[in-house]
Amino acid sequence: MDGKRKVIREIEAESTHQNFWGDAKAAAKKMKNMASLQKEVEEGEMLELLISDGDAVELEKEVGKLEFALYLSGPYDRNDAILALHSGQGGTEAMDWTSMFVSYVYPIHRKKRMAV
């Protein structure tokens, strides 16, 4: 975690330079990287705190969240996706099932703060 903290400090120092924001895309990419690193450091600190406190229930919840994040840590997992649901030619019943699935999926995405 010390290495990540060092990178965060470097990006913060670099962002104060006058010409940092000259290339908006590169600056945004660095700031996004910094936000990701900050999140990882916060999660690590939370784990350390929960371990030192001996709170097994909260520790298990946090580890579960991190395991899920690990599953979604591939090279393309940070990219956006488009999901289109069509009932096809299944008739009324297929439309009902599609509608139920949509009503199930939307709240999950909203809870995770994903664009719907």
N, C-alpha and C. Protein backbone atom coordinates (compact mmCIF):
# COMPACT_ATOMS: atom_id res chain seq x y z
N MET A 1 0.81 -1.19 0.00
CA MET A 1 0.00 0.00 0.00
C MET A 1 0.85 1.26 0.00
N ASP A 2 2.05 1.15 0.51
CA ASP A 2 2.93 2.32 0.53
C ASP A 2 3.26 2.78 -0.89
N GLY A 3 3.43 1.82 -1.79
CA GLY A 3 3.70 2.16 -3.18
C GLY A 3 2.54 2.90 -3.82
N LYS A 4 1.33 2.48 -3.49
CA LYS A 4 0.14 3.14 -4.02
C LYS A 4 0.00 4.54 -3.44
N ARG A 5 0.29 4.69 -2.17
CA ARG A 5 0.24 6.03 -1.56
C ARG A 5 1.26 6.96 -2.23
N LYS A 6 2.42 6.42 -2.55
CA LYS A 6 3.45 7.22 -3.20
C LYS A 6 2.97 7.68 -4.57
N VAL A 7 2.37 6.78 -5.34
CA VAL A 7 1.86 7.14 -6.67
C VAL A 7 0.77 8.20 -6.54
N ILE A 8 -0.09 8.07 -5.55
CA ILE A 8 -1.16 9.06 -5.32
C ILE A 8 -0.54 10.43 -5.05
N ARG A 9 0.48 10.48 -4.17
CA ARG A 9 1.14 11.76 -3.87
C ARG A 9 1.79 12.34 -5.12
N GLU A 10 2.39 11.48 -5.95
CA GLU A 10 3.03 11.96 -7.18
C GLU A 10 2.01 12.57 -8.13
N ILE A 11 0.87 11.90 -8.29
CA ILE A 11 -0.17 12.43 -9.18
C ILE A 11 -0.73 13.73 -8.63
N GLU A 12 -0.94 13.79 -7.31
CA GLU A 12 -1.43 15.02 -6.70
C GLU A 12 -0.46 16.17 -6.93
N ALA A 13 0.83 15.89 -6.76
CA ALA A 13 1.84 16.94 -6.98
C ALA A 13 1.88 17.35 -8.45
N GLU A 14 1.77 16.37 -9.33
CA GLU A 14 1.80 16.65 -10.76
C GLU A 14 0.57 17.47 -11.18
N SER A 15 -0.57 17.22 -10.53
CA SER A 15 -1.80 17.93 -10.92
C SER A 15 -1.77 19.41 -10.55
N THR A 16 -0.85 19.80 -9.68
CA THR A 16 -0.74 21.22 -9.31
C THR A 16 0.08 22.01 -10.32
N HIS A 17 0.78 21.31 -11.21
CA HIS A 17 1.59 22.00 -12.22
C HIS A 17 0.67 22.72 -13.21
N GLN A 18 1.15 23.79 -13.71
CA GLN A 18 0.39 24.65 -14.60
C GLN A 18 0.00 23.95 -15.90
N ASN A 19 0.87 23.12 -16.45
CA ASN A 19 0.61 22.51 -17.75
C ASN A 19 -0.06 21.13 -17.65
N PHE A 20 -0.41 20.70 -16.45
CA PHE A 20 -1.00 19.37 -16.27
C PHE A 20 -2.32 19.24 -17.03
N TRP A 21 -3.14 20.27 -16.97
CA TRP A 21 -4.46 20.20 -17.58
C TRP A 21 -4.45 20.61 -19.05
N GLY A 22 -3.27 20.82 -19.62
CA GLY A 22 -3.17 21.15 -21.04
C GLY A 22 -3.67 20.02 -21.91
N ASP A 23 -3.35 18.79 -21.55
CA ASP A 23 -3.86 17.62 -22.25
C ASP A 23 -4.97 17.02 -21.38
N ALA A 24 -6.19 17.39 -21.70
CA ALA A 24 -7.33 17.03 -20.84
C ALA A 24 -7.52 15.52 -20.74
N LYS A 25 -7.32 14.81 -21.84
CA LYS A 25 -7.52 13.36 -21.82
C LYS A 25 -6.50 12.67 -20.92
N ALA A 26 -5.24 13.06 -21.05
CA ALA A 26 -4.19 12.46 -20.21
C ALA A 26 -4.41 12.81 -18.74
N ALA A 27 -4.81 14.05 -18.49
CA ALA A 27 -5.05 14.48 -17.11
C ALA A 27 -6.22 13.71 -16.51
N ALA A 28 -7.29 13.54 -17.28
CA ALA A 28 -8.45 12.80 -16.79
C ALA A 28 -8.09 11.34 -16.51
N LYS A 29 -7.27 10.77 -17.37
CA LYS A 29 -6.84 9.38 -17.18
C LYS A 29 -6.03 9.24 -15.89
N LYS A 30 -5.13 10.19 -15.64
CA LYS A 30 -4.33 10.15 -14.42
C LYS A 30 -5.19 10.34 -13.18
N MET A 31 -6.15 11.26 -13.26
CA MET A 31 -7.01 11.49 -12.11
C MET A 31 -7.91 10.29 -11.83
N LYS A 32 -8.35 9.62 -12.89
CA LYS A 32 -9.15 8.41 -12.72
C LYS A 32 -8.30 7.31 -12.07
N ASN A 33 -7.06 7.21 -12.50
CA ASN A 33 -6.13 6.24 -11.91
C ASN A 33 -5.91 6.56 -10.43
N MET A 34 -5.76 7.85 -10.12
CA MET A 34 -5.56 8.25 -8.74
C MET A 34 -6.77 7.91 -7.88
N ALA A 35 -7.98 8.14 -8.41
CA ALA A 35 -9.19 7.82 -7.66
C ALA A 35 -9.29 6.32 -7.40
N SER A 36 -8.90 5.53 -8.39
CA SER A 36 -8.91 4.08 -8.23
C SER A 36 -7.91 3.64 -7.16
N LEU A 37 -6.73 4.23 -7.19
CA LEU A 37 -5.72 3.90 -6.18
C LEU A 37 -6.17 4.32 -4.78
N GLN A 38 -6.80 5.49 -4.68
CA GLN A 38 -7.30 5.95 -3.38
C GLN A 38 -8.35 4.99 -2.84
N LYS A 39 -9.20 4.49 -3.71
CA LYS A 39 -10.22 3.54 -3.28
C LYS A 39 -9.57 2.26 -2.76
N GLU A 40 -8.56 1.78 -3.47
CA GLU A 40 -7.86 0.56 -3.05
C GLU A 40 -7.18 0.76 -1.69
N VAL A 41 -6.57 1.92 -1.49
CA VAL A 41 -5.91 2.20 -0.22
C VAL A 41 -6.94 2.26 0.90
N GLU A 42 -8.07 2.93 0.65
CA GLU A 42 -9.12 3.00 1.67
C GLU A 42 -9.65 1.62 2.03
N GLU A 43 -9.83 0.77 1.03
CA GLU A 43 -10.31 -0.59 1.29
C GLU A 43 -9.29 -1.38 2.10
N GLY A 44 -8.01 -1.20 1.78
CA GLY A 44 -6.96 -1.87 2.55
C GLY A 44 -6.92 -1.40 3.99
N GLU A 45 -7.06 -0.10 4.18
CA GLU A 45 -7.08 0.45 5.54
C GLU A 45 -8.29 -0.06 6.31
N MET A 46 -9.42 -0.19 5.63
CA MET A 46 -10.63 -0.71 6.28
C MET A 46 -10.41 -2.15 6.72
N LEU A 47 -9.78 -2.95 5.86
CA LEU A 47 -9.49 -4.33 6.24
C LEU A 47 -8.57 -4.39 7.45
N GLU A 48 -7.53 -3.57 7.44
CA GLU A 48 -6.61 -3.54 8.58
C GLU A 48 -7.34 -3.17 9.87
N LEU A 49 -8.23 -2.19 9.78
CA LEU A 49 -9.00 -1.77 10.95
C LEU A 49 -9.91 -2.88 11.45
N LEU A 50 -10.59 -3.55 10.52
CA LEU A 50 -11.50 -4.63 10.92
C LEU A 50 -10.74 -5.81 11.51
N ILE A 51 -9.56 -6.09 10.98
CA ILE A 51 -8.74 -7.17 11.53
C ILE A 51 -8.28 -6.83 12.93
N SER A 52 -7.83 -5.59 13.12
CA SER A 52 -7.35 -5.20 14.44
C SER A 52 -8.48 -5.13 15.47
N ASP A 53 -9.69 -4.76 15.01
CA ASP A 53 -10.84 -4.72 15.91
C ASP A 53 -11.41 -6.11 16.20
N GLY A 54 -11.14 -7.05 15.31
CA GLY A 54 -11.66 -8.40 15.48
C GLY A 54 -13.14 -8.52 15.14
N ASP A 55 -13.65 -7.62 14.32
CA ASP A 55 -15.06 -7.65 13.92
C ASP A 55 -15.22 -8.62 12.75
N ALA A 56 -15.51 -9.87 13.05
CA ALA A 56 -15.56 -10.93 12.04
C ALA A 56 -16.70 -10.73 11.05
N VAL A 57 -17.85 -10.25 11.51
CA VAL A 57 -19.00 -10.09 10.62
C VAL A 57 -18.73 -9.02 9.57
N GLU A 58 -18.27 -7.87 10.01
CA GLU A 58 -17.96 -6.79 9.06
C GLU A 58 -16.78 -7.16 8.17
N LEU A 59 -15.82 -7.87 8.72
CA LEU A 59 -14.67 -8.31 7.93
C LEU A 59 -15.12 -9.24 6.82
N GLU A 60 -16.02 -10.14 7.13
CA GLU A 60 -16.53 -11.08 6.12
C GLU A 60 -17.27 -10.33 5.02
N LYS A 61 -18.06 -9.31 5.38
CA LYS A 61 -18.76 -8.51 4.39
C LYS A 61 -17.78 -7.80 3.47
N GLU A 62 -16.76 -7.20 4.07
CA GLU A 62 -15.77 -6.45 3.28
C GLU A 62 -14.98 -7.38 2.36
N VAL A 63 -14.61 -8.54 2.86
CA VAL A 63 -13.88 -9.50 2.03
C VAL A 63 -14.77 -9.97 0.89
N GLY A 64 -16.06 -10.14 1.14
CA GLY A 64 -17.00 -10.52 0.08
C GLY A 64 -17.06 -9.48 -1.02
N LYS A 65 -17.08 -8.20 -0.63
CA LYS A 65 -17.08 -7.12 -1.62
C LYS A 65 -15.80 -7.15 -2.46
N LEU A 66 -14.68 -7.37 -1.79
CA LEU A 66 -13.40 -7.39 -2.50
C LEU A 66 -13.29 -8.61 -3.42
N GLU A 67 -13.84 -9.74 -3.00
CA GLU A 67 -13.84 -10.92 -3.87
C GLU A 67 -14.64 -10.64 -5.14
N PHE A 68 -15.78 -9.99 -4.98
CA PHE A 68 -16.60 -9.64 -6.14
C PHE A 68 -15.83 -8.69 -7.07
N ALA A 69 -15.16 -7.71 -6.48
CA ALA A 69 -14.37 -6.77 -7.28
C ALA A 69 -13.24 -7.48 -7.99
N LEU A 70 -12.69 -8.52 -7.37
CA LEU A 70 -11.62 -9.28 -7.99
C LEU A 70 -12.11 -10.01 -9.24
N TYR A 71 -13.34 -10.50 -9.19
CA TYR A 71 -13.90 -11.17 -10.36
C TYR A 71 -14.04 -10.21 -11.53
N LEU A 72 -14.25 -8.94 -11.22
CA LEU A 72 -14.44 -7.93 -12.26
C LEU A 72 -13.20 -7.05 -12.42
N SER A 73 -12.04 -7.66 -12.41
CA SER A 73 -10.81 -6.88 -12.51
C SER A 73 -10.01 -7.21 -13.76
N GLY A 74 -10.67 -7.73 -14.76
CA GLY A 74 -9.99 -8.04 -16.02
C GLY A 74 -9.71 -6.78 -16.82
N PRO A 75 -8.99 -6.92 -17.91
CA PRO A 75 -8.59 -5.73 -18.68
C PRO A 75 -9.77 -4.99 -19.31
N TYR A 76 -10.88 -5.65 -19.57
CA TYR A 76 -12.01 -5.00 -20.23
C TYR A 76 -13.17 -4.73 -19.27
N ASP A 77 -13.02 -5.09 -18.02
CA ASP A 77 -14.13 -4.98 -17.08
C ASP A 77 -14.44 -3.55 -16.67
N ARG A 78 -13.57 -2.61 -16.92
CA ARG A 78 -13.84 -1.21 -16.59
C ARG A 78 -14.56 -0.49 -17.71
N ASN A 79 -14.69 -1.16 -18.85
CA ASN A 79 -15.36 -0.54 -19.99
C ASN A 79 -16.87 -0.60 -19.82
N ASP A 80 -17.55 0.24 -20.55
CA ASP A 80 -19.01 0.27 -20.52
C ASP A 80 -19.57 -0.91 -21.31
N ALA A 81 -20.83 -1.19 -21.08
CA ALA A 81 -21.51 -2.25 -21.81
C ALA A 81 -22.92 -1.78 -22.13
N ILE A 82 -23.45 -2.31 -23.20
CA ILE A 82 -24.83 -2.02 -23.58
C ILE A 82 -25.60 -3.32 -23.48
N LEU A 83 -26.69 -3.27 -22.76
CA LEU A 83 -27.54 -4.44 -22.58
C LEU A 83 -28.89 -4.13 -23.20
N ALA A 84 -29.30 -4.92 -24.17
CA ALA A 84 -30.60 -4.74 -24.82
C ALA A 84 -31.41 -6.00 -24.58
N LEU A 85 -32.62 -5.82 -24.09
CA LEU A 85 -33.50 -6.95 -23.82
C LEU A 85 -34.68 -6.90 -24.78
N HIS A 86 -34.88 -7.99 -25.48
CA HIS A 86 -35.98 -8.11 -26.44
C HIS A 86 -36.73 -9.40 -26.16
N SER A 87 -38.03 -9.32 -26.24
CA SER A 87 -38.82 -10.53 -25.99
C SER A 87 -38.86 -11.43 -27.21
N GLY A 88 -38.46 -10.92 -28.35
CA GLY A 88 -38.45 -11.74 -29.56
C GLY A 88 -39.86 -12.06 -30.01
N GLN A 89 -40.06 -13.26 -30.52
CA GLN A 89 -41.35 -13.64 -31.06
C GLN A 89 -42.11 -14.55 -30.10
N GLY A 90 -41.82 -14.42 -28.83
CA GLY A 90 -42.43 -15.29 -27.83
C GLY A 90 -43.84 -14.92 -27.43
N GLY A 91 -44.33 -13.80 -27.90
CA GLY A 91 -45.70 -13.42 -27.57
C GLY A 91 -45.81 -12.71 -26.24
N THR A 92 -47.00 -12.71 -25.70
CA THR A 92 -47.31 -11.98 -24.48
C THR A 92 -46.51 -12.48 -23.29
N GLU A 93 -46.40 -13.79 -23.17
CA GLU A 93 -45.67 -14.35 -22.03
C GLU A 93 -44.20 -13.95 -22.06
N ALA A 94 -43.59 -13.96 -23.24
CA ALA A 94 -42.19 -13.55 -23.36
C ALA A 94 -42.03 -12.08 -23.01
N MET A 95 -42.99 -11.25 -23.41
CA MET A 95 -42.93 -9.84 -23.07
C MET A 95 -43.05 -9.65 -21.56
N ASP A 96 -43.90 -10.45 -20.92
CA ASP A 96 -44.05 -10.38 -19.47
C ASP A 96 -42.73 -10.75 -18.78
N TRP A 97 -42.09 -11.81 -19.23
CA TRP A 97 -40.82 -12.23 -18.63
C TRP A 97 -39.74 -11.17 -18.83
N THR A 98 -39.70 -10.60 -20.02
CA THR A 98 -38.73 -9.54 -20.29
C THR A 98 -38.99 -8.34 -19.39
N SER A 99 -40.23 -7.97 -19.23
CA SER A 99 -40.59 -6.85 -18.37
C SER A 99 -40.21 -7.12 -16.92
N MET A 100 -40.45 -8.35 -16.45
CA MET A 100 -40.07 -8.70 -15.08
C MET A 100 -38.56 -8.65 -14.90
N PHE A 101 -37.82 -9.12 -15.90
CA PHE A 101 -36.36 -9.10 -15.81
C PHE A 101 -35.85 -7.67 -15.76
N VAL A 102 -36.42 -6.80 -16.59
CA VAL A 102 -36.02 -5.40 -16.59
C VAL A 102 -36.31 -4.76 -15.24
N SER A 103 -37.47 -5.05 -14.67
CA SER A 103 -37.81 -4.47 -13.37
C SER A 103 -36.93 -5.03 -12.26
N TYR A 104 -36.32 -6.17 -12.48
CA TYR A 104 -35.38 -6.75 -11.53
C TYR A 104 -33.99 -6.13 -11.69
N VAL A 105 -33.56 -5.92 -12.93
CA VAL A 105 -32.20 -5.45 -13.21
C VAL A 105 -32.02 -3.96 -12.91
N TYR A 106 -33.00 -3.12 -13.24
CA TYR A 106 -32.84 -1.67 -13.06
C TYR A 106 -32.50 -1.26 -11.64
N PRO A 107 -33.22 -1.74 -10.62
CA PRO A 107 -32.86 -1.32 -9.25
C PRO A 107 -31.45 -1.73 -8.85
N ILE A 108 -30.99 -2.86 -9.32
CA ILE A 108 -29.63 -3.30 -9.01
C ILE A 108 -28.62 -2.33 -9.59
N HIS A 109 -28.84 -1.93 -10.83
CA HIS A 109 -27.91 -1.00 -11.48
C HIS A 109 -27.97 0.37 -10.82
N ARG A 110 -29.13 0.81 -10.44
CA ARG A 110 -29.24 2.10 -9.77
C ARG A 110 -28.54 2.07 -8.41
N LYS A 111 -28.70 0.95 -7.70
CA LYS A 111 -28.05 0.81 -6.39
C LYS A 111 -26.53 0.86 -6.54
N LYS A 112 -26.00 0.27 -7.61
CA LYS A 112 -24.57 0.25 -7.88
C LYS A 112 -24.11 1.54 -8.56
N ARG A 113 -25.03 2.48 -8.73
CA ARG A 113 -24.75 3.78 -9.37
C ARG A 113 -24.26 3.65 -10.80
N MET A 114 -24.88 2.73 -11.51
CA MET A 114 -24.58 2.55 -12.92
C MET A 114 -25.64 3.28 -13.73
N ALA A 115 -25.26 3.78 -14.89
CA ALA A 115 -26.21 4.46 -15.76
C ALA A 115 -27.16 3.43 -16.34
N VAL A 116 -28.43 3.79 -16.35
CA VAL A 116 -29.46 2.89 -16.90
C VAL A 116 -30.14 3.58 -18.05
